[in-house]
């Protein structure tokens, strides 16, 4: 089956204190076609090849750095279709912009 047909839902969650590394990770995830849904959370649909590229790319970006935590959750499409989203008047600022707290 073609990679584009067998896509899975991906959630990437990270905690990175270094501003430079955090920006590099966010830019990489955006280039991979994932969408930022919270400051340190990206989501999207990727096929098998995309998942391999995601892992390899993250390993490249993180190489040589310390003190980071990155979790990639891969879920079946049915889980994505059943998600519950509750938000109103919320937009996620780009990296470097301030949040209103």
N, C-alpha and C. Protein backbone atom coordinates (compact mmCIF):
# COMPACT_ATOMS: atom_id res chain seq x y z
N UNK A 1 0.84 -1.17 0.00
CA UNK A 1 0.00 0.00 0.00
C UNK A 1 0.89 1.24 0.00
N UNK A 2 0.51 2.28 -0.71
CA UNK A 2 1.31 3.48 -0.81
C UNK A 2 1.43 4.18 0.54
N UNK A 3 2.56 4.84 0.75
CA UNK A 3 2.83 5.53 2.00
C UNK A 3 1.76 6.58 2.29
N UNK A 4 1.27 7.26 1.25
CA UNK A 4 0.30 8.34 1.46
C UNK A 4 -1.04 7.81 1.95
N UNK A 5 -1.35 6.55 1.69
CA UNK A 5 -2.62 5.98 2.10
C UNK A 5 -2.57 5.51 3.56
N UNK A 6 -1.46 4.95 4.00
CA UNK A 6 -1.33 4.39 5.35
C UNK A 6 -0.71 5.39 6.33
N UNK A 7 -1.27 6.57 6.40
CA UNK A 7 -0.74 7.57 7.32
C UNK A 7 -1.26 7.33 8.73
N UNK A 8 -0.41 7.68 9.67
CA UNK A 8 -0.77 7.57 11.08
C UNK A 8 -0.65 8.94 11.72
N UNK A 9 -1.40 9.10 12.77
CA UNK A 9 -1.40 10.35 13.51
C UNK A 9 -0.16 10.40 14.40
N UNK A 10 0.54 11.51 14.37
CA UNK A 10 1.77 11.68 15.15
C UNK A 10 1.61 12.87 16.09
N UNK A 11 2.00 12.67 17.33
CA UNK A 11 2.03 13.75 18.32
C UNK A 11 3.47 13.84 18.82
N UNK A 12 4.07 15.01 18.71
CA UNK A 12 5.43 15.23 19.20
C UNK A 12 5.34 16.24 20.34
N UNK A 13 5.84 15.82 21.50
CA UNK A 13 5.82 16.65 22.71
C UNK A 13 7.26 16.80 23.17
N UNK A 14 7.65 18.02 23.49
CA UNK A 14 9.03 18.19 23.92
C UNK A 14 9.16 19.20 25.04
N UNK A 15 10.23 19.04 25.80
CA UNK A 15 10.61 19.98 26.85
C UNK A 15 12.09 20.26 26.64
N UNK A 16 12.38 21.46 26.16
CA UNK A 16 13.76 21.84 25.83
C UNK A 16 14.01 23.23 26.40
N UNK A 17 14.96 23.34 27.31
CA UNK A 17 15.20 24.62 27.96
C UNK A 17 16.07 25.56 27.12
N UNK A 18 16.93 25.02 26.29
CA UNK A 18 17.81 25.85 25.46
C UNK A 18 17.01 26.47 24.31
N UNK A 19 16.98 27.79 24.25
CA UNK A 19 16.19 28.50 23.24
C UNK A 19 16.60 28.13 21.82
N UNK A 20 17.88 28.04 21.57
CA UNK A 20 18.38 27.75 20.23
C UNK A 20 17.94 26.36 19.76
N UNK A 21 18.11 25.38 20.62
CA UNK A 21 17.72 24.02 20.26
C UNK A 21 16.20 23.92 20.10
N UNK A 22 15.46 24.55 21.01
CA UNK A 22 14.00 24.51 20.92
C UNK A 22 13.52 25.10 19.60
N UNK A 23 14.13 26.19 19.15
CA UNK A 23 13.77 26.80 17.88
C UNK A 23 14.11 25.87 16.71
N UNK A 24 15.26 25.22 16.77
CA UNK A 24 15.66 24.28 15.71
C UNK A 24 14.68 23.11 15.61
N UNK A 25 14.26 22.59 16.76
CA UNK A 25 13.30 21.48 16.76
C UNK A 25 11.97 21.94 16.19
N UNK A 26 11.48 23.10 16.62
CA UNK A 26 10.20 23.61 16.13
C UNK A 26 10.23 23.83 14.62
N UNK A 27 11.30 24.40 14.12
CA UNK A 27 11.42 24.64 12.67
C UNK A 27 11.46 23.31 11.91
N UNK A 28 12.18 22.33 12.44
CA UNK A 28 12.24 21.02 11.79
C UNK A 28 10.87 20.38 11.73
N UNK A 29 10.15 20.41 12.84
CA UNK A 29 8.82 19.80 12.87
C UNK A 29 7.87 20.49 11.89
N UNK A 30 7.97 21.80 11.78
CA UNK A 30 7.16 22.53 10.79
C UNK A 30 7.52 22.11 9.37
N UNK A 31 8.81 21.98 9.09
CA UNK A 31 9.25 21.54 7.75
C UNK A 31 8.76 20.13 7.44
N UNK A 32 8.57 19.31 8.46
CA UNK A 32 8.06 17.95 8.27
C UNK A 32 6.57 17.95 7.99
N UNK A 33 5.95 19.12 8.06
CA UNK A 33 4.52 19.21 7.77
C UNK A 33 3.62 19.07 8.99
N UNK A 34 4.22 19.07 10.17
CA UNK A 34 3.43 18.98 11.39
C UNK A 34 2.96 20.37 11.79
N UNK A 35 1.85 20.43 12.49
CA UNK A 35 1.25 21.70 12.92
C UNK A 35 1.42 21.87 14.42
N UNK A 36 1.77 23.09 14.80
CA UNK A 36 1.90 23.38 16.22
C UNK A 36 0.51 23.58 16.80
N UNK A 37 0.20 22.83 17.86
CA UNK A 37 -1.10 22.97 18.52
C UNK A 37 -0.95 23.57 19.92
N UNK A 38 0.23 23.49 20.48
CA UNK A 38 0.58 24.18 21.71
C UNK A 38 2.06 24.52 21.61
N UNK A 39 2.54 25.26 22.55
CA UNK A 39 3.92 25.77 22.47
C UNK A 39 4.94 24.65 22.23
N UNK A 40 4.79 23.53 22.88
CA UNK A 40 5.75 22.43 22.75
C UNK A 40 5.09 21.15 22.27
N UNK A 41 4.04 21.29 21.45
CA UNK A 41 3.31 20.14 20.93
C UNK A 41 3.02 20.35 19.45
N UNK A 42 3.43 19.39 18.65
CA UNK A 42 3.14 19.39 17.22
C UNK A 42 2.36 18.12 16.88
N UNK A 43 1.47 18.22 15.91
CA UNK A 43 0.70 17.05 15.48
C UNK A 43 0.61 17.03 13.96
N UNK A 44 0.28 15.86 13.45
CA UNK A 44 0.07 15.73 12.01
C UNK A 44 -0.02 14.28 11.60
N UNK A 45 -0.20 14.08 10.32
CA UNK A 45 -0.30 12.75 9.75
C UNK A 45 0.97 12.46 8.95
N UNK A 46 1.57 11.31 9.20
CA UNK A 46 2.76 10.89 8.47
C UNK A 46 2.63 9.43 8.08
N UNK A 47 3.15 9.10 6.93
CA UNK A 47 3.24 7.71 6.51
C UNK A 47 4.51 7.08 7.04
N UNK A 48 4.75 5.85 6.67
CA UNK A 48 5.92 5.11 7.15
C UNK A 48 7.23 5.83 6.84
N UNK A 49 7.37 6.30 5.61
CA UNK A 49 8.60 7.01 5.21
C UNK A 49 8.74 8.30 6.01
N UNK A 50 7.63 9.00 6.21
CA UNK A 50 7.66 10.23 6.99
C UNK A 50 8.08 10.00 8.42
N UNK A 51 7.61 8.89 9.01
CA UNK A 51 8.00 8.56 10.39
C UNK A 51 9.49 8.29 10.50
N UNK A 52 10.02 7.57 9.52
CA UNK A 52 11.47 7.30 9.52
C UNK A 52 12.24 8.61 9.39
N UNK A 53 11.78 9.49 8.50
CA UNK A 53 12.44 10.79 8.32
C UNK A 53 12.33 11.64 9.57
N UNK A 54 11.18 11.58 10.24
CA UNK A 54 10.99 12.35 11.48
C UNK A 54 12.00 11.91 12.54
N UNK A 55 12.09 10.61 12.76
CA UNK A 55 13.02 10.13 13.79
C UNK A 55 14.47 10.47 13.43
N UNK A 56 14.85 10.20 12.20
CA UNK A 56 16.23 10.47 11.78
C UNK A 56 16.54 11.96 11.88
N UNK A 57 15.59 12.79 11.46
CA UNK A 57 15.81 14.24 11.51
C UNK A 57 15.91 14.75 12.93
N UNK A 58 15.06 14.26 13.81
CA UNK A 58 15.15 14.68 15.21
C UNK A 58 16.48 14.26 15.82
N UNK A 59 16.90 13.03 15.52
CA UNK A 59 18.20 12.58 16.04
C UNK A 59 19.33 13.49 15.55
N UNK A 60 19.25 13.92 14.29
CA UNK A 60 20.26 14.83 13.74
C UNK A 60 20.23 16.18 14.46
N UNK A 61 19.05 16.74 14.62
CA UNK A 61 18.92 18.05 15.27
C UNK A 61 19.39 17.99 16.72
N UNK A 62 19.11 16.91 17.42
CA UNK A 62 19.44 16.79 18.84
C UNK A 62 20.87 16.35 19.11
N UNK A 63 21.55 15.83 18.08
CA UNK A 63 22.91 15.30 18.26
C UNK A 63 23.83 16.37 18.86
N UNK A 64 24.52 15.99 19.91
CA UNK A 64 25.49 16.88 20.53
C UNK A 64 24.90 17.76 21.63
N UNK A 65 23.60 17.77 21.75
CA UNK A 65 22.96 18.58 22.79
C UNK A 65 22.67 17.70 24.00
N UNK A 66 22.47 18.32 25.14
CA UNK A 66 22.06 17.59 26.34
C UNK A 66 20.88 18.32 26.97
N UNK A 67 20.27 17.69 27.92
CA UNK A 67 19.16 18.30 28.66
C UNK A 67 17.94 18.60 27.78
N UNK A 68 17.40 17.56 27.18
CA UNK A 68 16.17 17.71 26.40
C UNK A 68 15.33 16.45 26.58
N UNK A 69 14.04 16.61 26.31
CA UNK A 69 13.12 15.49 26.33
C UNK A 69 12.18 15.64 25.14
N UNK A 70 12.17 14.65 24.26
CA UNK A 70 11.30 14.67 23.09
C UNK A 70 10.58 13.32 23.04
N UNK A 71 9.26 13.35 22.99
CA UNK A 71 8.45 12.14 22.90
C UNK A 71 7.65 12.20 21.61
N UNK A 72 7.68 11.11 20.85
CA UNK A 72 6.91 10.99 19.62
C UNK A 72 5.91 9.86 19.82
N UNK A 73 4.64 10.20 19.76
CA UNK A 73 3.57 9.21 19.89
C UNK A 73 2.98 8.97 18.51
N UNK A 74 2.90 7.72 18.12
CA UNK A 74 2.33 7.33 16.83
C UNK A 74 1.04 6.58 17.12
N UNK A 75 -0.06 7.11 16.59
CA UNK A 75 -1.38 6.57 16.88
C UNK A 75 -2.10 6.20 15.59
N UNK A 76 -2.96 5.21 15.64
CA UNK A 76 -3.75 4.88 14.46
C UNK A 76 -4.68 6.04 14.08
N UNK A 77 -4.98 6.15 12.82
CA UNK A 77 -5.83 7.23 12.30
C UNK A 77 -7.16 7.29 13.05
N UNK A 78 -7.71 6.14 13.43
CA UNK A 78 -9.00 6.12 14.13
C UNK A 78 -8.93 6.90 15.44
N UNK A 79 -7.78 6.91 16.12
CA UNK A 79 -7.64 7.67 17.35
C UNK A 79 -7.71 9.16 17.07
N UNK A 80 -7.09 9.58 15.98
CA UNK A 80 -7.13 10.98 15.58
C UNK A 80 -8.57 11.40 15.29
N UNK A 81 -9.29 10.58 14.58
CA UNK A 81 -10.67 10.91 14.22
C UNK A 81 -11.57 11.01 15.43
N UNK A 82 -11.20 10.37 16.54
CA UNK A 82 -12.02 10.37 17.76
C UNK A 82 -11.53 11.41 18.78
N UNK A 83 -10.59 12.24 18.42
CA UNK A 83 -10.04 13.20 19.38
C UNK A 83 -11.11 14.21 19.79
N UNK A 84 -10.91 14.78 20.96
CA UNK A 84 -11.78 15.83 21.48
C UNK A 84 -10.92 17.07 21.65
N UNK A 85 -11.33 18.15 21.02
CA UNK A 85 -10.59 19.41 21.10
C UNK A 85 -11.49 20.46 21.71
N UNK A 86 -11.04 21.07 22.77
CA UNK A 86 -11.77 22.14 23.43
C UNK A 86 -10.88 23.38 23.41
N UNK A 87 -11.25 24.36 22.61
CA UNK A 87 -10.49 25.60 22.60
C UNK A 87 -11.39 26.72 22.12
N UNK A 88 -11.11 27.89 22.61
CA UNK A 88 -11.88 29.06 22.24
C UNK A 88 -10.97 30.27 22.32
N UNK A 89 -10.85 30.99 21.22
CA UNK A 89 -10.05 32.21 21.22
C UNK A 89 -8.58 32.00 21.52
N UNK A 90 -8.07 30.86 21.13
CA UNK A 90 -6.69 30.51 21.46
C UNK A 90 -5.88 30.39 20.18
N UNK A 91 -4.73 31.01 20.18
CA UNK A 91 -3.82 30.81 19.06
C UNK A 91 -2.43 30.59 19.62
N UNK A 92 -1.69 29.77 18.96
CA UNK A 92 -0.35 29.41 19.44
C UNK A 92 0.65 30.39 18.83
N UNK A 93 1.38 31.12 19.67
CA UNK A 93 2.38 32.04 19.14
C UNK A 93 3.56 31.28 18.53
N UNK A 94 4.19 31.90 17.59
CA UNK A 94 5.40 31.31 17.01
C UNK A 94 6.49 31.33 18.06
N UNK A 95 7.51 30.52 17.85
CA UNK A 95 8.64 30.46 18.77
C UNK A 95 9.23 31.86 18.93
N UNK A 96 9.49 32.25 20.16
CA UNK A 96 10.08 33.56 20.42
C UNK A 96 9.04 34.60 20.80
N UNK A 97 7.76 34.39 20.46
CA UNK A 97 6.71 35.30 20.87
C UNK A 97 6.29 34.96 22.29
N UNK A 98 5.77 35.94 22.99
CA UNK A 98 5.36 35.73 24.38
C UNK A 98 3.94 35.23 24.46
N UNK A 99 3.69 34.40 25.46
CA UNK A 99 2.34 33.96 25.79
C UNK A 99 1.74 34.97 26.76
N UNK A 100 0.44 35.14 26.68
CA UNK A 100 -0.27 35.89 27.71
C UNK A 100 -0.66 34.91 28.80
N UNK A 101 -0.26 35.18 30.00
CA UNK A 101 -0.55 34.25 31.11
C UNK A 101 -1.54 34.90 32.06
